C-alpha atoms as a PDB file:
ATOM      1  CA  MET A   1      51.656-218.671  22.487  1.00  0.00           C
ATOM      2  CA  LYS A   2      52.946-216.060  19.956  1.00  0.00           C
ATOM      3  CA  ARG A   3      53.092-218.620  17.137  1.00  0.00           C
ATOM      4  CA  ARG A   4      49.773-219.453  17.111  1.00  0.00           C
ATOM      5  CA  LEU A   5      48.464-215.691  17.750  1.00  0.00           C
ATOM      6  CA  VAL A   6      50.780-214.863  14.370  1.00  0.00           C
ATOM      7  CA  SER A   7      49.307-218.501  12.575  1.00  0.00           C
ATOM      8  CA  ILE A   8      45.857-217.286  13.957  1.00  0.00           C
ATOM      9  CA  GLY A   9      46.151-213.497  12.498  1.00  0.00           C
ATOM     10  CA  PHE A  10      47.411-215.828   9.102  1.00  0.00           C
ATOM     11  CA  LEU A  11      44.115-217.251   8.809  1.00  0.00           C
ATOM     12  CA  LEU A  12      42.015-213.773   9.944  1.00  0.00           C
ATOM     13  CA  LEU A  13      44.107-212.464   6.886  1.00  0.00           C
ATOM     14  CA  LEU A  14      43.307-214.482   4.119  1.00  0.00           C
ATOM     15  CA  MET A  15      39.931-215.045   5.614  1.00  0.00           C
ATOM     16  CA  ALA A  16      39.328-211.098   4.615  1.00  0.00           C
ATOM     17  CA  GLY A  17      41.043-211.276   1.207  1.00  0.00           C
ATOM     18  CA  ALA A  18      38.823-214.648  -0.097  1.00  0.00           C
ATOM     19  CA  ALA A  19      35.993-212.129   1.369  1.00  0.00           C
ATOM     20  CA  GLY A  20      36.928-209.424  -0.355  1.00  0.00           C
ATOM     21  CA  VAL A  21      37.813-211.414  -4.058  1.00  0.00           C
ATOM     22  CA  ARG A  22      34.497-213.077  -3.359  1.00  0.00           C
ATOM     23  CA  ALA A  23      32.670-209.111  -2.728  1.00  0.00           C
ATOM     24  CA  ALA A  24      34.456-207.541  -6.202  1.00  0.00           C
ATOM     25  CA  ASP A  25      33.198-210.631  -7.854  1.00  0.00           C
ATOM     26  CA  GLY A  26      29.382-210.322  -6.539  1.00  0.00           C
ATOM     27  CA  THR A  27      30.032-206.860  -7.666  1.00  0.00           C
ATOM     28  CA  ALA A  28      30.936-207.331 -11.040  1.00  0.00           C
ATOM     29  CA  ALA A  29      28.779-210.342 -11.509  1.00  0.00           C
ATOM     30  CA  SER A  30      25.790-207.702 -10.691  1.00  0.00           C
ATOM     31  CA  ASP A  31      27.259-204.970 -12.498  1.00  0.00           C
ATOM     32  CA  PRO A  32      28.759-205.665 -15.602  1.00  0.00           C
ATOM     33  CA  VAL A  33      30.301-203.297 -18.297  1.00  0.00           C
ATOM     34  CA  LYS A  34      27.159-202.009 -20.739  1.00  0.00           C
ATOM     35  CA  LEU A  35      27.361-201.292 -24.055  1.00  0.00           C
ATOM     36  CA  ARG A  36      26.024-198.972 -25.649  1.00  0.00           C
ATOM     37  CA  GLY A  37      24.421-198.863 -29.023  1.00  0.00           C
ATOM     38  CA  TRP A  38      25.552-197.132 -31.817  1.00  0.00           C
ATOM     39  CA  TYR A  39      29.020-195.907 -32.915  1.00  0.00           C
ATOM     40  CA  LEU A  40      30.283-193.054 -34.344  1.00  0.00           C
ATOM     41  CA  GLY A  41      33.499-193.331 -35.877  1.00  0.00           C
ATOM     42  CA  LEU A  42      36.155-190.993 -37.851  1.00  0.00           C
ATOM     43  CA  GLN A  43      39.518-191.717 -38.825  1.00  0.00           C
ATOM     44  CA  GLY A  44      42.673-190.791 -40.609  1.00  0.00           C
ATOM     45  CA  THR A  45      43.185-193.227 -43.272  1.00  0.00           C
ATOM     46  CA  SER A  46      45.957-194.237 -46.033  1.00  0.00           C
ATOM     47  CA  GLY A  47      45.041-196.768 -49.173  1.00  0.00           C
ATOM     48  CA  ALA A  48      46.213-197.586 -52.394  1.00  0.00           C
ATOM     49  CA  ARG A  49      45.556-199.521 -55.805  1.00  0.00           C
ATOM     50  CA  ASP A  50      47.682-202.137 -58.628  1.00  0.00           C
ATOM     51  CA  ARG A  51      45.973-199.649 -61.178  1.00  0.00           C
ATOM     52  CA  TRP A  52      44.471-196.150 -62.337  1.00  0.00           C
ATOM     53  CA  ASP A  53      43.897-196.441 -66.004  1.00  0.00           C
ATOM     54  CA  VAL A  54      40.427-197.510 -65.730  1.00  0.00           C
ATOM     55  CA  PHE A  55      39.186-194.579 -67.650  1.00  0.00           C
ATOM     56  CA  ASN A  56      39.249-196.881 -70.645  1.00  0.00           C
ATOM     57  CA  ASN A  57      41.059-193.708 -72.215  1.00  0.00           C
ATOM     58  CA  ASP A  58      44.907-193.019 -72.880  1.00  0.00           C
ATOM     59  CA  ASP A  59      45.113-189.362 -71.145  1.00  0.00           C
ATOM     60  CA  LEU A  60      43.283-190.128 -68.319  1.00  0.00           C
ATOM     61  CA  PRO A  61      44.861-190.180 -66.053  1.00  0.00           C
ATOM     62  CA  PRO A  62      46.687-187.048 -67.145  1.00  0.00           C
ATOM     63  CA  ALA A  63      49.405-187.709 -65.460  1.00  0.00           C
ATOM     64  CA  ALA A  64      51.481-190.571 -63.081  1.00  0.00           C
ATOM     65  CA  VAL A  65      49.147-191.741 -60.227  1.00  0.00           C
ATOM     66  CA  GLN A  66      50.677-191.048 -56.602  1.00  0.00           C
ATOM     67  CA  ASP A  67      51.422-194.969 -55.432  1.00  0.00           C
ATOM     68  CA  VAL A  68      49.698-193.980 -51.609  1.00  0.00           C
ATOM     69  CA  GLY A  69      46.785-191.485 -50.687  1.00  0.00           C
ATOM     70  CA  ARG A  70      46.009-190.619 -47.301  1.00  0.00           C
ATOM     71  CA  GLY A  71      42.500-189.356 -46.666  1.00  0.00           C
ATOM     72  CA  PHE A  72      40.029-190.042 -43.823  1.00  0.00           C
ATOM     73  CA  GLY A  73      37.330-191.987 -42.942  1.00  0.00           C
ATOM     74  CA  LEU A  74      33.958-191.923 -41.468  1.00  0.00           C
ATOM     75  CA  GLN A  75      31.460-195.112 -39.800  1.00  0.00           C
ATOM     76  CA  LEU A  76      28.326-195.219 -38.371  1.00  0.00           C
ATOM     77  CA  GLY A  77      25.933-198.183 -36.822  1.00  0.00           C
ATOM     78  CA  HIS A  78      24.686-200.132 -34.878  1.00  0.00           C
ATOM     79  CA  ARG A  79      25.356-202.778 -32.376  1.00  0.00           C
ATOM     80  CA  PHE A  80      23.223-205.693 -32.257  1.00  0.00           C
ATOM     81  CA  GLY A  81      24.098-209.573 -30.068  1.00  0.00           C
ATOM     82  CA  GLY A  82      27.041-207.513 -28.069  1.00  0.00           C
ATOM     83  CA  ARG A  83      30.032-208.402 -30.830  1.00  0.00           C
ATOM     84  CA  PHE A  84      28.043-207.934 -34.268  1.00  0.00           C
ATOM     85  CA  LEU A  85      27.720-204.688 -35.258  1.00  0.00           C
ATOM     86  CA  LEU A  86      26.739-203.322 -38.777  1.00  0.00           C
ATOM     87  CA  GLY A  87      27.493-199.938 -40.122  1.00  0.00           C
ATOM     88  CA  LEU A  88      27.398-197.379 -42.401  1.00  0.00           C
ATOM     89  CA  HIS A  89      31.521-196.722 -43.735  1.00  0.00           C
ATOM     90  CA  PHE A  90      33.102-194.213 -46.065  1.00  0.00           C
ATOM     91  CA  ALA A  91      36.673-193.501 -47.052  1.00  0.00           C
ATOM     92  CA  VAL A  92      38.033-191.010 -49.981  1.00  0.00           C
ATOM     93  CA  GLN A  93      41.888-190.898 -49.778  1.00  0.00           C
ATOM     94  CA  GLU A  94      43.488-188.218 -52.321  1.00  0.00           C
ATOM     95  CA  HIS A  95      46.961-188.584 -54.373  1.00  0.00           C
ATOM     96  CA  ASP A  96      48.413-186.153 -56.467  1.00  0.00           C
ATOM     97  CA  LEU A  97      49.167-186.452 -60.185  1.00  0.00           C
ATOM     98  CA  ALA A  98      52.297-185.565 -60.980  1.00  0.00           C
ATOM     99  CA  GLY A  99      53.069-181.799 -61.884  1.00  0.00           C
ATOM    100  CA  LEU A 100      50.266-180.931 -62.294  1.00  0.00           C
ATOM    101  CA  PRO A 101      48.163-179.654 -59.654  1.00  0.00           C
ATOM    102  CA  GLN A 102      44.786-181.567 -59.891  1.00  0.00           C
ATOM    103  CA  LYS A 103      43.602-184.296 -57.096  1.00  0.00           C
ATOM    104  CA  LEU A 104      42.393-188.706 -57.760  1.00  0.00           C
ATOM    105  CA  HIS A 105      40.298-189.847 -55.504  1.00  0.00           C
ATOM    106  CA  ASP A 106      39.897-192.639 -54.419  1.00  0.00           C
ATOM    107  CA  VAL A 107      36.320-192.988 -52.733  1.00  0.00           C
ATOM    108  CA  GLU A 108      33.558-196.147 -51.316  1.00  0.00           C
ATOM    109  CA  LEU A 109      30.291-196.960 -50.000  1.00  0.00           C
ATOM    110  CA  LEU A 110      30.472-199.573 -47.867  1.00  0.00           C
ATOM    111  CA  PHE A 111      27.576-201.688 -45.725  1.00  0.00           C
ATOM    112  CA  ALA A 112      30.156-203.222 -43.274  1.00  0.00           C
ATOM    113  CA  GLY A 113      29.883-205.995 -40.395  1.00  0.00           C
ATOM    114  CA  THR A 114      32.263-206.538 -38.018  1.00  0.00           C
ATOM    115  CA  VAL A 115      32.960-208.334 -35.643  1.00  0.00           C
ATOM    116  CA  LEU A 116      34.707-208.210 -32.137  1.00  0.00           C
ATOM    117  CA  TRP A 117      36.465-210.896 -29.567  1.00  0.00           C
ATOM    118  CA  ASN A 118      36.191-210.167 -25.845  1.00  0.00           C
ATOM    119  CA  GLU A 119      33.217-207.226 -26.335  1.00  0.00           C
ATOM    120  CA  ARG A 120      33.865-205.189 -22.403  1.00  0.00           C
ATOM    121  CA  GLY A 121      37.944-205.971 -22.659  1.00  0.00           C
ATOM    122  CA  THR A 122      39.683-202.759 -22.867  1.00  0.00           C
ATOM    123  CA  LEU A 123      41.857-204.388 -26.541  1.00  0.00           C
ATOM    124  CA  GLN A 124      39.626-206.177 -28.517  1.00  0.00           C
ATOM    125  CA  PRO A 125      39.997-208.112 -31.643  1.00  0.00           C
ATOM    126  CA  PHE A 126      37.808-207.294 -34.535  1.00  0.00           C
ATOM    127  CA  ALA A 127      37.147-208.713 -38.569  1.00  0.00           C
ATOM    128  CA  ARG A 128      35.781-206.152 -40.465  1.00  0.00           C
ATOM    129  CA  GLY A 129      33.879-207.201 -43.621  1.00  0.00           C
ATOM    130  CA  GLY A 130      32.330-204.324 -46.772  1.00  0.00           C
ATOM    131  CA  LEU A 131      30.628-204.264 -49.654  1.00  0.00           C
ATOM    132  CA  GLY A 132      29.380-201.505 -51.621  1.00  0.00           C
ATOM    133  CA  GLY A 133      30.485-198.951 -53.845  1.00  0.00           C
ATOM    134  CA  SER A 134      33.480-198.032 -55.628  1.00  0.00           C
ATOM    135  CA  ALA A 135      34.808-194.567 -57.052  1.00  0.00           C
ATOM    136  CA  VAL A 136      37.949-193.403 -58.808  1.00  0.00           C
ATOM    137  CA  ALA A 137      37.268-189.408 -59.510  1.00  0.00           C
ATOM    138  CA  VAL A 138      39.857-186.931 -61.592  1.00  0.00           C
ATOM    139  CA  ASP A 139      39.839-183.807 -61.147  1.00  0.00           C
ATOM    140  CA  ARG A 140      38.511-181.378 -64.972  1.00  0.00           C
ATOM    141  CA  ALA A 141      39.314-178.011 -65.605  1.00  0.00           C
ATOM    142  CA  GLY A 142      35.124-177.332 -64.626  1.00  0.00           C
ATOM    143  CA  GLY A 143      33.901-180.714 -62.967  1.00  0.00           C
ATOM    144  CA  HIS A 144      35.589-184.749 -62.958  1.00  0.00           C
ATOM    145  CA  ILE A 145      35.023-187.145 -64.834  1.00  0.00           C
ATOM    146  CA  ILE A 146      34.979-190.832 -62.282  1.00  0.00           C
ATOM    147  CA  ALA A 147      34.914-194.120 -62.395  1.00  0.00           C
ATOM    148  CA  ILE A 148      32.068-196.385 -60.724  1.00  0.00           C
ATOM    149  CA  GLY A 149      31.558-199.467 -59.779  1.00  0.00           C
ATOM    150  CA  THR A 150      31.402-201.777 -57.097  1.00  0.00           C
ATOM    151  CA  ALA A 151      33.409-202.765 -53.718  1.00  0.00           C
ATOM    152  CA  ALA A 152      34.600-205.105 -50.994  1.00  0.00           C
ATOM    153  CA  THR A 153      36.843-205.472 -48.226  1.00  0.00           C
ATOM    154  CA  ALA A 154      37.818-208.131 -45.793  1.00  0.00           C
ATOM    155  CA  GLY A 155      40.378-206.881 -42.980  1.00  0.00           C
ATOM    156  CA  GLY A 156      40.561-207.135 -39.610  1.00  0.00           C
ATOM    157  CA  GLY A 157      41.907-204.612 -36.315  1.00  0.00           C
ATOM    158  CA  LEU A 158      41.801-203.624 -33.074  1.00  0.00           C
ATOM    159  CA  GLN A 159      40.160-201.163 -30.859  1.00  0.00           C
ATOM    160  CA  VAL A 160      41.586-200.349 -27.026  1.00  0.00           C
ATOM    161  CA  ARG A 161      38.158-199.085 -25.088  1.00  0.00           C
ATOM    162  CA  LEU A 162      38.588-195.741 -23.270  1.00  0.00           C
ATOM    163  CA  GLY A 163      35.744-195.669 -21.483  1.00  0.00           C
ATOM    164  CA  ALA A 164      31.603-196.083 -22.225  1.00  0.00           C
ATOM    165  CA  GLY A 165      31.176-193.666 -25.184  1.00  0.00           C
ATOM    166  CA  PHE A 166      35.213-193.717 -26.270  1.00  0.00           C
ATOM    167  CA  ALA A 167      37.599-196.616 -27.481  1.00  0.00           C
ATOM    168  CA  LEU A 168      41.040-195.548 -30.032  1.00  0.00           C
ATOM    169  CA  GLU A 169      40.503-198.308 -32.960  1.00  0.00           C
ATOM    170  CA  ALA A 170      42.561-198.924 -35.364  1.00  0.00           C
ATOM    171  CA  GLU A 171      42.349-201.151 -38.771  1.00  0.00           C
ATOM    172  CA  ALA A 172      43.686-202.427 -41.765  1.00  0.00           C
ATOM    173  CA  ALA A 173      41.842-204.043 -44.845  1.00  0.00           C
ATOM    174  CA  LEU A 174      41.996-205.375 -48.676  1.00  0.00           C
ATOM    175  CA  THR A 175      40.099-203.995 -51.944  1.00  0.00           C
ATOM    176  CA  PHE A 176      38.959-205.156 -54.626  1.00  0.00           C
ATOM    177  CA  ALA A 177      36.942-203.008 -56.884  1.00  0.00           C
ATOM    178  CA  ASN A 178      35.373-203.667 -59.997  1.00  0.00           C
ATOM    179  CA  LEU A 179      34.583-200.020 -62.422  1.00  0.00           C
ATOM    180  CA  LEU A 180      31.742-200.403 -64.739  1.00  0.00           C
ATOM    181  CA  GLU A 181      30.583-196.593 -65.820  1.00  0.00           C
ATOM    182  CA  VAL A 182      32.567-193.440 -66.807  1.00  0.00           C
ATOM    183  CA  ARG A 183      30.578-190.260 -66.080  1.00  0.00           C
ATOM    184  CA  ASP A 184      32.171-187.019 -67.530  1.00  0.00           C
ATOM    185  CA  GLN A 185      30.408-184.265 -64.778  1.00  0.00           C
ATOM    186  CA  ASP A 186      30.563-180.841 -65.055  1.00  0.00           C
ATOM    187  CA  SER A 187      30.614-178.337 -61.282  1.00  0.00           C
ATOM    188  CA  ASP A 188      26.790-178.578 -61.308  1.00  0.00           C
ATOM    189  CA  GLY A 189      26.383-182.156 -61.717  1.00  0.00           C
ATOM    190  CA  ALA A 190      24.894-182.381 -65.090  1.00  0.00           C
ATOM    191  CA  THR A 191      26.653-185.747 -67.078  1.00  0.00           C
ATOM    192  CA  ASP A 192      27.660-184.568 -69.886  1.00  0.00           C
ATOM    193  CA  ASP A 193      29.265-188.105 -71.415  1.00  0.00           C
ATOM    194  CA  ASP A 194      28.805-191.511 -69.578  1.00  0.00           C
ATOM    195  CA  TRP A 195      31.095-194.866 -71.682  1.00  0.00           C
ATOM    196  CA  ARG A 196      31.360-198.735 -70.318  1.00  0.00           C
ATOM    197  CA  VAL A 197      34.283-199.742 -69.070  1.00  0.00           C
ATOM    198  CA  LYS A 198      35.569-203.005 -67.352  1.00  0.00           C
ATOM    199  CA  ALA A 199      38.366-202.486 -64.756  1.00  0.00           C
ATOM    200  CA  SER A 200      39.065-204.375 -61.871  1.00  0.00           C
ATOM    201  CA  GLN A 201      41.544-202.698 -59.049  1.00  0.00           C
ATOM    202  CA  VAL A 202      42.873-204.311 -56.442  1.00  0.00           C
ATOM    203  CA  GLY A 203      44.644-202.094 -52.441  1.00  0.00           C
ATOM    204  CA  TRP A 204      44.887-201.987 -49.130  1.00  0.00           C
ATOM    205  CA  ARG A 205      43.667-199.274 -46.502  1.00  0.00           C
ATOM    206  CA  THR A 206      44.934-198.802 -42.823  1.00  0.00           C
ATOM    207  CA  GLY A 207      42.595-196.500 -41.033  1.00  0.00           C
ATOM    208  CA  VAL A 208      43.596-195.213 -37.213  1.00  0.00           C
ATOM    209  CA  GLY A 209      41.143-192.942 -35.196  1.00  0.00           C
ATOM    210  CA  VAL A 210      37.815-192.406 -32.268  1.00  0.00           C
ATOM    211  CA  VAL A 211      35.376-193.883 -32.013  1.00  0.00           C
ATOM    212  CA  VAL A 212      31.960-192.555 -29.956  1.00  0.00           C
ATOM    213  CA  TRP A 213      29.490-194.852 -27.702  1.00  0.00           C
ATOM    214  CA  PHE A 214      26.391-193.778 -27.861  1.00  0.00           C
END
């Protein structure tokens, strides 16, 4: 008799557990994670390029350039179809010049496409590519000398969802630039002189930061 009561109690517990699992599944199905449409991201970045002699001028840059620069990145974009993102991404790194107070900056402004996997989960791997513009700028007295051209990036990373509106993001990308023109600009933005160049760069960039969904 005692064994029968134990067996019946055990079966009741199993049935209750199964009912609970079905109820939880039904709740999850009727209340999935709501994906928000817009995102705003902020990163701390670091990066390097394979060469800096892109100005077609032996005096530029005026000194040896620090290999790895550090800076920040900004992102603004929208989600399409759940896992696809399209946005405007900006990044800038600052490099020291040996023995000089001036700085060199490398800049990217890209239209970037991102594909997320497991977009409703906590860990969301992604692939990202971008096309846009690139610039390398050297400070000088009263202005800047800027080489400008086109850019492309290819890479990926991971978002860690902290809630409906926040995620941490880590990214690594290869960068490609094709610089076509140099402009000598005053501090007020006026151009004193410009000349054509043809210089290609290959480099890398990493970023770690936060993404806000709204």
